[in-house]
Amino acid sequence: MEVVVGRIAKAHGIRGELAVDVRTDSPEERFAEGAVLAARYRDGRTRSLTIAAARTHSGRLLMSFEEIHSRTDAEELRGVLLLADTADLPPSDDPDEFYDHELEGLRAELADGTVVGTVQEIVHAPGGELLTLDREGRTVLVPFVRAIVPVVDVAAGRVVLDPPEGLLDETE
């Protein structure tokens, strides 16, 4: 299984360097020189990219890949997701920290055990993370904060929700 570790935002400069939005807590490990990542285009195509270099510049990660040699090549990668194999991810030492793939597919239920949906994905928004729930074919966004999601039990395959009134009735 693969997990998103970054998204290519735009080309930088004329030599094929790329600005990357980081989606991992371990960029120094995920984006090390020589690491190979899968790149997934919006249309579903994938290809492998080998990291030639990575550096920070003005608060952003700039990367170059062995396969990309010009700004034209780099422009074609705008919006591409960078993926790493979940088998290569180290286990988290923090009990309140989870990889997105660990949460996807979990049963969402209320404290009394009433099943309210299934976690489809985690959205990383500027204001914080959101759980996207499939609630009987409808999409519901739930803020991923302790007050609303007090229990995450990956081993039991569930998240427990304590939603404010009306939250689960909203649709996308």
N, C-alpha and C. Protein backbone atom coordinates (compact mmCIF):
# COMPACT_ATOMS: atom_id res chain seq x y z
N MET A 1 0.84 -1.17 0.00
CA MET A 1 0.00 0.00 0.00
C MET A 1 0.89 1.24 0.00
N GLU A 2 0.40 2.29 -0.65
CA GLU A 2 1.17 3.52 -0.71
C GLU A 2 0.46 4.63 0.05
N VAL A 3 1.25 5.60 0.51
CA VAL A 3 0.71 6.74 1.25
C VAL A 3 1.31 8.02 0.67
N VAL A 4 0.51 9.08 0.63
CA VAL A 4 0.96 10.37 0.09
C VAL A 4 1.94 11.01 1.07
N VAL A 5 3.13 11.38 0.60
CA VAL A 5 4.12 12.07 1.43
C VAL A 5 4.38 13.49 0.94
N GLY A 6 3.84 13.84 -0.23
CA GLY A 6 4.02 15.19 -0.74
C GLY A 6 3.19 15.41 -1.99
N ARG A 7 3.06 16.68 -2.36
CA ARG A 7 2.38 17.07 -3.59
C ARG A 7 3.21 18.13 -4.26
N ILE A 8 3.47 17.95 -5.54
CA ILE A 8 4.27 18.92 -6.28
C ILE A 8 3.40 20.14 -6.56
N ALA A 9 3.85 21.30 -6.05
CA ALA A 9 3.08 22.53 -6.19
C ALA A 9 3.38 23.25 -7.50
N LYS A 10 4.68 23.39 -7.82
CA LYS A 10 5.03 24.13 -9.03
C LYS A 10 6.51 23.95 -9.35
N ALA A 11 6.86 24.34 -10.56
CA ALA A 11 8.26 24.34 -10.97
C ALA A 11 8.95 25.54 -10.33
N HIS A 12 10.26 25.39 -10.09
CA HIS A 12 11.04 26.48 -9.50
C HIS A 12 12.34 26.61 -10.29
N GLY A 13 12.56 27.76 -10.85
CA GLY A 13 13.79 27.99 -11.61
C GLY A 13 13.74 27.34 -12.98
N ILE A 14 14.90 27.31 -13.63
CA ILE A 14 14.95 26.82 -15.02
C ILE A 14 15.58 25.44 -15.16
N ARG A 15 16.08 24.87 -14.07
CA ARG A 15 16.79 23.59 -14.16
C ARG A 15 15.96 22.38 -13.75
N GLY A 16 14.65 22.56 -13.60
CA GLY A 16 13.80 21.42 -13.29
C GLY A 16 13.55 21.18 -11.82
N GLU A 17 13.90 22.15 -10.99
CA GLU A 17 13.63 22.01 -9.56
C GLU A 17 12.13 22.20 -9.32
N LEU A 18 11.62 21.59 -8.25
CA LEU A 18 10.19 21.63 -7.96
C LEU A 18 9.93 22.02 -6.52
N ALA A 19 8.89 22.84 -6.31
CA ALA A 19 8.43 23.17 -4.96
C ALA A 19 7.43 22.10 -4.56
N VAL A 20 7.61 21.54 -3.36
CA VAL A 20 6.79 20.43 -2.90
C VAL A 20 6.10 20.79 -1.59
N ASP A 21 4.79 20.52 -1.53
CA ASP A 21 4.04 20.64 -0.28
C ASP A 21 4.23 19.32 0.46
N VAL A 22 4.84 19.39 1.63
CA VAL A 22 5.17 18.19 2.40
C VAL A 22 3.94 17.66 3.12
N ARG A 23 3.74 16.35 3.07
CA ARG A 23 2.63 15.68 3.75
C ARG A 23 3.15 14.54 4.62
N THR A 24 4.30 14.75 5.23
CA THR A 24 4.88 13.75 6.10
C THR A 24 5.56 14.44 7.27
N ASP A 25 5.60 13.77 8.40
CA ASP A 25 6.28 14.31 9.56
C ASP A 25 7.78 14.03 9.53
N SER A 26 8.23 13.25 8.54
CA SER A 26 9.64 12.87 8.45
C SER A 26 10.21 13.20 7.07
N PRO A 27 10.22 14.49 6.69
CA PRO A 27 10.69 14.82 5.35
C PRO A 27 12.15 14.45 5.12
N GLU A 28 12.97 14.51 6.17
CA GLU A 28 14.38 14.17 6.00
C GLU A 28 14.56 12.70 5.63
N GLU A 29 13.66 11.83 6.06
CA GLU A 29 13.72 10.41 5.70
C GLU A 29 13.06 10.15 4.35
N ARG A 30 11.88 10.70 4.14
CA ARG A 30 11.10 10.44 2.92
C ARG A 30 11.77 11.03 1.70
N PHE A 31 12.43 12.19 1.85
CA PHE A 31 12.98 12.91 0.71
C PHE A 31 14.51 12.90 0.71
N ALA A 32 15.09 11.82 1.17
CA ALA A 32 16.55 11.68 1.19
C ALA A 32 17.07 11.44 -0.23
N GLU A 33 18.26 11.94 -0.49
CA GLU A 33 18.88 11.74 -1.80
C GLU A 33 18.96 10.25 -2.11
N GLY A 34 18.54 9.89 -3.32
CA GLY A 34 18.58 8.50 -3.76
C GLY A 34 17.28 7.74 -3.51
N ALA A 35 16.38 8.29 -2.69
CA ALA A 35 15.10 7.63 -2.43
C ALA A 35 14.26 7.64 -3.70
N VAL A 36 13.51 6.58 -3.90
CA VAL A 36 12.64 6.47 -5.07
C VAL A 36 11.19 6.58 -4.59
N LEU A 37 10.47 7.50 -5.20
CA LEU A 37 9.06 7.71 -4.88
C LEU A 37 8.21 7.40 -6.09
N ALA A 38 6.98 6.99 -5.84
CA ALA A 38 6.02 6.85 -6.93
C ALA A 38 5.37 8.21 -7.12
N ALA A 39 5.18 8.61 -8.34
CA ALA A 39 4.51 9.87 -8.66
C ALA A 39 3.20 9.52 -9.34
N ARG A 40 2.07 9.99 -8.76
CA ARG A 40 0.76 9.68 -9.33
C ARG A 40 0.14 10.96 -9.90
N TYR A 41 -0.12 10.92 -11.21
CA TYR A 41 -0.74 12.04 -11.91
C TYR A 41 -2.25 12.06 -11.63
N ARG A 42 -2.88 13.18 -11.91
CA ARG A 42 -4.33 13.31 -11.69
C ARG A 42 -5.13 12.29 -12.47
N ASP A 43 -4.64 11.89 -13.64
CA ASP A 43 -5.37 10.92 -14.47
C ASP A 43 -5.11 9.48 -14.04
N GLY A 44 -4.33 9.28 -12.96
CA GLY A 44 -4.09 7.94 -12.44
C GLY A 44 -2.79 7.30 -12.89
N ARG A 45 -2.14 7.88 -13.91
CA ARG A 45 -0.85 7.34 -14.35
C ARG A 45 0.16 7.45 -13.22
N THR A 46 1.12 6.53 -13.18
CA THR A 46 2.20 6.62 -12.19
C THR A 46 3.54 6.43 -12.88
N ARG A 47 4.57 6.92 -12.23
CA ARG A 47 5.95 6.71 -12.67
C ARG A 47 6.84 6.82 -11.45
N SER A 48 8.04 6.34 -11.56
CA SER A 48 9.01 6.43 -10.46
C SER A 48 9.88 7.65 -10.65
N LEU A 49 10.20 8.31 -9.53
CA LEU A 49 11.11 9.45 -9.54
C LEU A 49 12.16 9.22 -8.47
N THR A 50 13.41 9.45 -8.83
CA THR A 50 14.53 9.28 -7.90
C THR A 50 15.01 10.65 -7.45
N ILE A 51 15.06 10.86 -6.15
CA ILE A 51 15.44 12.16 -5.60
C ILE A 51 16.93 12.40 -5.80
N ALA A 52 17.25 13.50 -6.48
CA ALA A 52 18.64 13.91 -6.69
C ALA A 52 19.09 14.85 -5.58
N ALA A 53 18.17 15.71 -5.12
CA ALA A 53 18.50 16.66 -4.05
C ALA A 53 17.21 17.24 -3.47
N ALA A 54 17.30 17.65 -2.22
CA ALA A 54 16.17 18.32 -1.56
C ALA A 54 16.73 19.36 -0.61
N ARG A 55 16.09 20.54 -0.60
CA ARG A 55 16.55 21.62 0.28
C ARG A 55 15.37 22.51 0.62
N THR A 56 15.48 23.22 1.72
CA THR A 56 14.42 24.17 2.06
C THR A 56 14.80 25.54 1.50
N HIS A 57 13.77 26.28 1.09
CA HIS A 57 13.96 27.62 0.55
C HIS A 57 12.69 28.41 0.85
N SER A 58 12.82 29.47 1.63
CA SER A 58 11.69 30.34 1.98
C SER A 58 10.51 29.55 2.54
N GLY A 59 10.82 28.59 3.41
CA GLY A 59 9.77 27.82 4.08
C GLY A 59 9.16 26.71 3.26
N ARG A 60 9.71 26.43 2.10
CA ARG A 60 9.20 25.37 1.22
C ARG A 60 10.30 24.38 0.92
N LEU A 61 9.90 23.17 0.60
CA LEU A 61 10.87 22.16 0.19
C LEU A 61 11.04 22.24 -1.32
N LEU A 62 12.28 22.39 -1.76
CA LEU A 62 12.60 22.36 -3.19
C LEU A 62 13.33 21.07 -3.47
N MET A 63 12.90 20.38 -4.53
CA MET A 63 13.48 19.09 -4.86
C MET A 63 13.86 19.03 -6.32
N SER A 64 14.87 18.20 -6.58
CA SER A 64 15.19 17.88 -7.97
C SER A 64 15.23 16.36 -8.06
N PHE A 65 14.84 15.86 -9.23
CA PHE A 65 14.79 14.42 -9.48
C PHE A 65 15.72 14.08 -10.63
N GLU A 66 16.31 12.91 -10.58
CA GLU A 66 17.23 12.48 -11.63
C GLU A 66 16.58 12.46 -13.00
N GLU A 67 15.28 12.20 -13.05
CA GLU A 67 14.56 12.07 -14.32
C GLU A 67 14.08 13.40 -14.89
N ILE A 68 14.19 14.49 -14.15
CA ILE A 68 13.66 15.80 -14.58
C ILE A 68 14.83 16.74 -14.80
N HIS A 69 14.96 17.26 -16.05
CA HIS A 69 16.14 18.04 -16.41
C HIS A 69 15.86 19.48 -16.84
N SER A 70 14.58 19.84 -16.96
CA SER A 70 14.28 21.19 -17.43
C SER A 70 13.00 21.70 -16.77
N ARG A 71 12.79 22.99 -16.88
CA ARG A 71 11.56 23.58 -16.35
C ARG A 71 10.33 23.00 -17.07
N THR A 72 10.46 22.74 -18.36
CA THR A 72 9.34 22.16 -19.11
C THR A 72 8.95 20.80 -18.53
N ASP A 73 9.95 19.95 -18.26
CA ASP A 73 9.68 18.65 -17.64
C ASP A 73 9.03 18.84 -16.26
N ALA A 74 9.54 19.82 -15.51
CA ALA A 74 9.03 20.07 -14.16
C ALA A 74 7.59 20.57 -14.20
N GLU A 75 7.25 21.43 -15.15
CA GLU A 75 5.89 21.96 -15.26
C GLU A 75 4.86 20.85 -15.45
N GLU A 76 5.24 19.77 -16.12
CA GLU A 76 4.33 18.65 -16.35
C GLU A 76 3.99 17.91 -15.05
N LEU A 77 4.75 18.16 -14.01
CA LEU A 77 4.53 17.46 -12.73
C LEU A 77 3.68 18.26 -11.75
N ARG A 78 3.24 19.44 -12.12
CA ARG A 78 2.41 20.26 -11.22
C ARG A 78 1.18 19.45 -10.78
N GLY A 79 0.95 19.38 -9.47
CA GLY A 79 -0.20 18.68 -8.92
C GLY A 79 -0.02 17.19 -8.70
N VAL A 80 1.12 16.66 -9.11
CA VAL A 80 1.39 15.22 -8.96
C VAL A 80 1.59 14.89 -7.47
N LEU A 81 1.01 13.76 -7.03
CA LEU A 81 1.20 13.30 -5.66
C LEU A 81 2.43 12.42 -5.59
N LEU A 82 3.22 12.59 -4.54
CA LEU A 82 4.40 11.76 -4.30
C LEU A 82 4.04 10.73 -3.24
N LEU A 83 4.28 9.46 -3.55
CA LEU A 83 3.85 8.36 -2.70
C LEU A 83 5.03 7.53 -2.22
N ALA A 84 4.91 7.04 -0.98
CA ALA A 84 5.89 6.12 -0.42
C ALA A 84 5.16 4.84 -0.03
N ASP A 85 5.86 3.74 -0.03
CA ASP A 85 5.28 2.46 0.37
C ASP A 85 5.11 2.46 1.89
N THR A 86 3.92 2.08 2.37
CA THR A 86 3.66 2.09 3.82
C THR A 86 4.57 1.11 4.56
N ALA A 87 5.06 0.09 3.88
CA ALA A 87 5.97 -0.86 4.53
C ALA A 87 7.29 -0.18 4.92
N ASP A 88 7.62 0.93 4.26
CA ASP A 88 8.85 1.65 4.55
C ASP A 88 8.70 2.68 5.66
N LEU A 89 7.48 2.86 6.17
CA LEU A 89 7.23 3.88 7.20
C LEU A 89 7.53 3.32 8.58
N PRO A 90 8.24 4.09 9.41
CA PRO A 90 8.52 3.61 10.76
C PRO A 90 7.27 3.69 11.63
N PRO A 91 7.15 2.81 12.63
CA PRO A 91 6.00 2.91 13.53
C PRO A 91 6.10 4.20 14.34
N SER A 92 4.93 4.76 14.66
CA SER A 92 4.91 6.00 15.45
C SER A 92 5.04 5.69 16.92
N ASP A 93 5.84 6.47 17.62
CA ASP A 93 6.00 6.31 19.06
C ASP A 93 4.92 7.06 19.84
N ASP A 94 4.20 7.95 19.16
CA ASP A 94 3.18 8.78 19.79
C ASP A 94 1.81 8.12 19.64
N PRO A 95 1.14 7.80 20.75
CA PRO A 95 -0.17 7.13 20.64
C PRO A 95 -1.25 8.01 20.04
N ASP A 96 -1.02 9.31 19.94
CA ASP A 96 -1.99 10.23 19.35
C ASP A 96 -1.63 10.62 17.92
N GLU A 97 -0.72 9.89 17.30
CA GLU A 97 -0.28 10.18 15.95
C GLU A 97 -0.57 8.98 15.06
N PHE A 98 -1.15 9.24 13.89
CA PHE A 98 -1.55 8.15 13.00
C PHE A 98 -1.19 8.49 11.57
N TYR A 99 -0.90 7.47 10.80
CA TYR A 99 -0.75 7.64 9.36
C TYR A 99 -2.15 7.64 8.76
N ASP A 100 -2.34 8.39 7.68
CA ASP A 100 -3.64 8.45 7.03
C ASP A 100 -4.17 7.06 6.69
N HIS A 101 -3.29 6.21 6.15
CA HIS A 101 -3.75 4.88 5.71
C HIS A 101 -4.23 4.02 6.87
N GLU A 102 -3.79 4.32 8.10
CA GLU A 102 -4.24 3.56 9.26
C GLU A 102 -5.69 3.90 9.61
N LEU A 103 -6.12 5.11 9.28
CA LEU A 103 -7.47 5.56 9.62
C LEU A 103 -8.49 5.25 8.53
N GLU A 104 -8.05 5.21 7.29
CA GLU A 104 -8.95 4.96 6.17
C GLU A 104 -9.55 3.57 6.28
N GLY A 105 -10.88 3.52 6.22
CA GLY A 105 -11.58 2.25 6.32
C GLY A 105 -12.09 1.92 7.72
N LEU A 106 -11.69 2.73 8.72
CA LEU A 106 -12.16 2.47 10.09
C LEU A 106 -13.65 2.78 10.20
N ARG A 107 -14.31 2.03 11.06
CA ARG A 107 -15.73 2.24 11.37
C ARG A 107 -15.83 3.46 12.26
N ALA A 108 -16.75 4.37 11.94
CA ALA A 108 -17.01 5.54 12.77
C ALA A 108 -18.28 5.26 13.56
N GLU A 109 -18.19 5.40 14.88
CA GLU A 109 -19.35 5.11 15.72
C GLU A 109 -19.45 6.13 16.84
N LEU A 110 -20.66 6.20 17.42
CA LEU A 110 -20.89 7.05 18.58
C LEU A 110 -20.46 6.30 19.83
N ALA A 111 -20.41 6.98 20.97
CA ALA A 111 -19.98 6.36 22.23
C ALA A 111 -20.84 5.16 22.61
N ASP A 112 -22.11 5.16 22.21
CA ASP A 112 -23.00 4.04 22.54
C ASP A 112 -22.87 2.87 21.58
N GLY A 113 -21.95 2.97 20.60
CA GLY A 113 -21.72 1.88 19.66
C GLY A 113 -22.49 1.99 18.36
N THR A 114 -23.35 3.00 18.23
CA THR A 114 -24.11 3.19 17.00
C THR A 114 -23.16 3.54 15.85
N VAL A 115 -23.16 2.73 14.80
CA VAL A 115 -22.29 2.97 13.65
C VAL A 115 -22.88 4.12 12.82
N VAL A 116 -22.04 5.12 12.53
CA VAL A 116 -22.50 6.28 11.77
C VAL A 116 -21.83 6.41 10.40
N GLY A 117 -20.85 5.56 10.11
CA GLY A 117 -20.20 5.62 8.81
C GLY A 117 -18.85 4.96 8.80
N THR A 118 -18.12 5.22 7.72
CA THR A 118 -16.78 4.67 7.53
C THR A 118 -15.85 5.79 7.12
N VAL A 119 -14.65 5.82 7.69
CA VAL A 119 -13.65 6.82 7.32
C VAL A 119 -13.14 6.51 5.92
N GLN A 120 -13.33 7.46 5.00
CA GLN A 120 -12.87 7.29 3.62
C GLN A 120 -11.47 7.83 3.40
N GLU A 121 -11.21 9.02 3.95
CA GLU A 121 -9.89 9.63 3.80
C GLU A 121 -9.71 10.73 4.83
N ILE A 122 -8.50 11.24 4.92
CA ILE A 122 -8.17 12.34 5.81
C ILE A 122 -7.81 13.52 4.91
N VAL A 123 -8.47 14.65 5.15
CA VAL A 123 -8.21 15.86 4.38
C VAL A 123 -7.31 16.76 5.23
N HIS A 124 -6.19 17.18 4.67
CA HIS A 124 -5.27 18.06 5.36
C HIS A 124 -5.54 19.49 4.90
N ALA A 125 -6.42 20.16 5.63
CA ALA A 125 -6.82 21.52 5.28
C ALA A 125 -5.95 22.52 6.06
N PRO A 126 -5.88 23.77 5.63
CA PRO A 126 -5.08 24.77 6.34
C PRO A 126 -5.48 24.93 7.81
N GLY A 127 -6.76 24.75 8.12
CA GLY A 127 -7.23 24.90 9.50
C GLY A 127 -7.09 23.65 10.34
N GLY A 128 -6.66 22.55 9.76
CA GLY A 128 -6.51 21.30 10.49
C GLY A 128 -7.02 20.12 9.67
N GLU A 129 -6.91 18.94 10.25
CA GLU A 129 -7.32 17.73 9.55
C GLU A 129 -8.81 17.49 9.70
N LEU A 130 -9.37 16.87 8.66
CA LEU A 130 -10.79 16.49 8.65
C LEU A 130 -10.89 15.02 8.27
N LEU A 131 -11.78 14.29 8.94
CA LEU A 131 -12.10 12.93 8.53
C LEU A 131 -13.23 13.02 7.53
N THR A 132 -13.09 12.37 6.39
CA THR A 132 -14.17 12.28 5.42
C THR A 132 -14.87 10.96 5.67
N LEU A 133 -16.14 11.05 6.07
CA LEU A 133 -16.92 9.85 6.35
C LEU A 133 -17.88 9.55 5.22
N ASP A 134 -18.04 8.26 4.92
CA ASP A 134 -19.11 7.82 4.04
C ASP A 134 -20.25 7.45 4.98
N ARG A 135 -21.31 8.21 4.92
CA ARG A 135 -22.48 8.00 5.79
C ARG A 135 -23.66 7.64 4.91
N GLU A 136 -23.80 6.33 4.65
CA GLU A 136 -24.88 5.81 3.82
C GLU A 136 -24.90 6.48 2.45
N GLY A 137 -23.73 6.58 1.84
CA GLY A 137 -23.63 7.15 0.51
C GLY A 137 -23.46 8.66 0.47
N ARG A 138 -23.56 9.32 1.61
CA ARG A 138 -23.35 10.77 1.68
C ARG A 138 -21.97 11.01 2.28
N THR A 139 -21.35 12.11 1.89
CA THR A 139 -20.05 12.48 2.44
C THR A 139 -20.25 13.49 3.56
N VAL A 140 -19.63 13.21 4.70
CA VAL A 140 -19.68 14.12 5.84
C VAL A 140 -18.25 14.39 6.29
N LEU A 141 -17.92 15.66 6.50
CA LEU A 141 -16.59 16.05 6.99
C LEU A 141 -16.66 16.28 8.49
N VAL A 142 -15.73 15.65 9.21
CA VAL A 142 -15.69 15.73 10.67
C VAL A 142 -14.32 16.28 11.08
N PRO A 143 -14.28 17.39 11.82
CA PRO A 143 -12.98 17.89 12.30
C PRO A 143 -12.28 16.82 13.14
N PHE A 144 -11.02 16.55 12.81
CA PHE A 144 -10.26 15.52 13.51
C PHE A 144 -9.57 16.16 14.71
N VAL A 145 -10.38 16.46 15.74
CA VAL A 145 -9.89 17.05 16.99
C VAL A 145 -10.40 16.18 18.14
N ARG A 146 -9.67 16.15 19.23
CA ARG A 146 -9.99 15.28 20.35
C ARG A 146 -11.41 15.50 20.89
N ALA A 147 -11.90 16.74 20.88
CA ALA A 147 -13.24 17.03 21.40
C ALA A 147 -14.34 16.31 20.61
N ILE A 148 -14.09 16.08 19.32
CA ILE A 148 -15.10 15.44 18.46
C ILE A 148 -14.75 13.98 18.18
N VAL A 149 -13.46 13.66 18.15
CA VAL A 149 -13.00 12.28 17.93
C VAL A 149 -12.15 11.89 19.14
N PRO A 150 -12.81 11.56 20.27
CA PRO A 150 -12.06 11.29 21.49
C PRO A 150 -11.31 9.97 21.50
N VAL A 151 -11.73 9.02 20.65
CA VAL A 151 -11.10 7.69 20.66
C VAL A 151 -10.76 7.28 19.23
N VAL A 152 -9.50 6.89 19.04
CA VAL A 152 -9.06 6.26 17.80
C VAL A 152 -8.47 4.93 18.21
N ASP A 153 -9.11 3.85 17.79
CA ASP A 153 -8.66 2.50 18.16
C ASP A 153 -8.41 1.73 16.87
N VAL A 154 -7.20 1.89 16.34
CA VAL A 154 -6.85 1.27 15.06
C VAL A 154 -6.96 -0.25 15.17
N ALA A 155 -6.49 -0.82 16.28
CA ALA A 155 -6.52 -2.28 16.46
C ALA A 155 -7.95 -2.82 16.42
N ALA A 156 -8.90 -2.08 16.97
CA ALA A 156 -10.31 -2.51 16.97
C ALA A 156 -11.04 -2.07 15.70
N GLY A 157 -10.36 -1.29 14.85
CA GLY A 157 -10.96 -0.86 13.58
C GLY A 157 -12.04 0.19 13.72
N ARG A 158 -11.87 1.11 14.71
CA ARG A 158 -12.93 2.10 14.91
C ARG A 158 -12.41 3.44 15.40
N VAL A 159 -13.20 4.47 15.13
CA VAL A 159 -13.04 5.78 15.74
C VAL A 159 -14.36 6.07 16.43
N VAL A 160 -14.30 6.67 17.60
CA VAL A 160 -15.50 7.04 18.33
C VAL A 160 -15.68 8.55 18.19
N LEU A 161 -16.91 8.95 17.84
CA LEU A 161 -17.23 10.35 17.63
C LEU A 161 -18.13 10.87 18.73
N ASP A 162 -17.92 12.13 19.10
CA ASP A 162 -18.80 12.86 20.00
C ASP A 162 -19.14 14.17 19.28
N PRO A 163 -19.98 14.07 18.24
CA PRO A 163 -20.21 15.24 17.37
C PRO A 163 -21.18 16.24 17.98
N PRO A 164 -20.95 17.52 17.71
CA PRO A 164 -21.95 18.51 18.12
C PRO A 164 -23.22 18.29 17.30
N GLU A 165 -24.32 18.76 17.82
CA GLU A 165 -25.62 18.56 17.16
C GLU A 165 -25.57 19.08 15.73
N GLY A 166 -26.05 18.26 14.81
CA GLY A 166 -26.16 18.63 13.40
C GLY A 166 -24.95 18.33 12.54
N LEU A 167 -23.81 18.01 13.16
CA LEU A 167 -22.58 17.79 12.37
C LEU A 167 -22.73 16.64 11.38
N LEU A 168 -23.30 15.55 11.81
CA LEU A 168 -23.39 14.38 10.94
C LEU A 168 -24.51 14.50 9.90
N ASP A 169 -25.32 15.54 10.02
CA ASP A 169 -26.40 15.75 9.05
C ASP A 169 -25.94 16.57 7.85
N GLU A 170 -24.76 17.23 7.99
CA GLU A 170 -24.25 18.07 6.90
C GLU A 170 -23.70 17.20 5.79
N THR A 171 -23.90 17.62 4.56
CA THR A 171 -23.35 16.92 3.42
C THR A 171 -22.45 17.84 2.64
N GLU A 172 -21.60 17.24 1.89
CA GLU A 172 -20.63 17.99 1.08
C GLU A 172 -21.30 18.54 -0.14
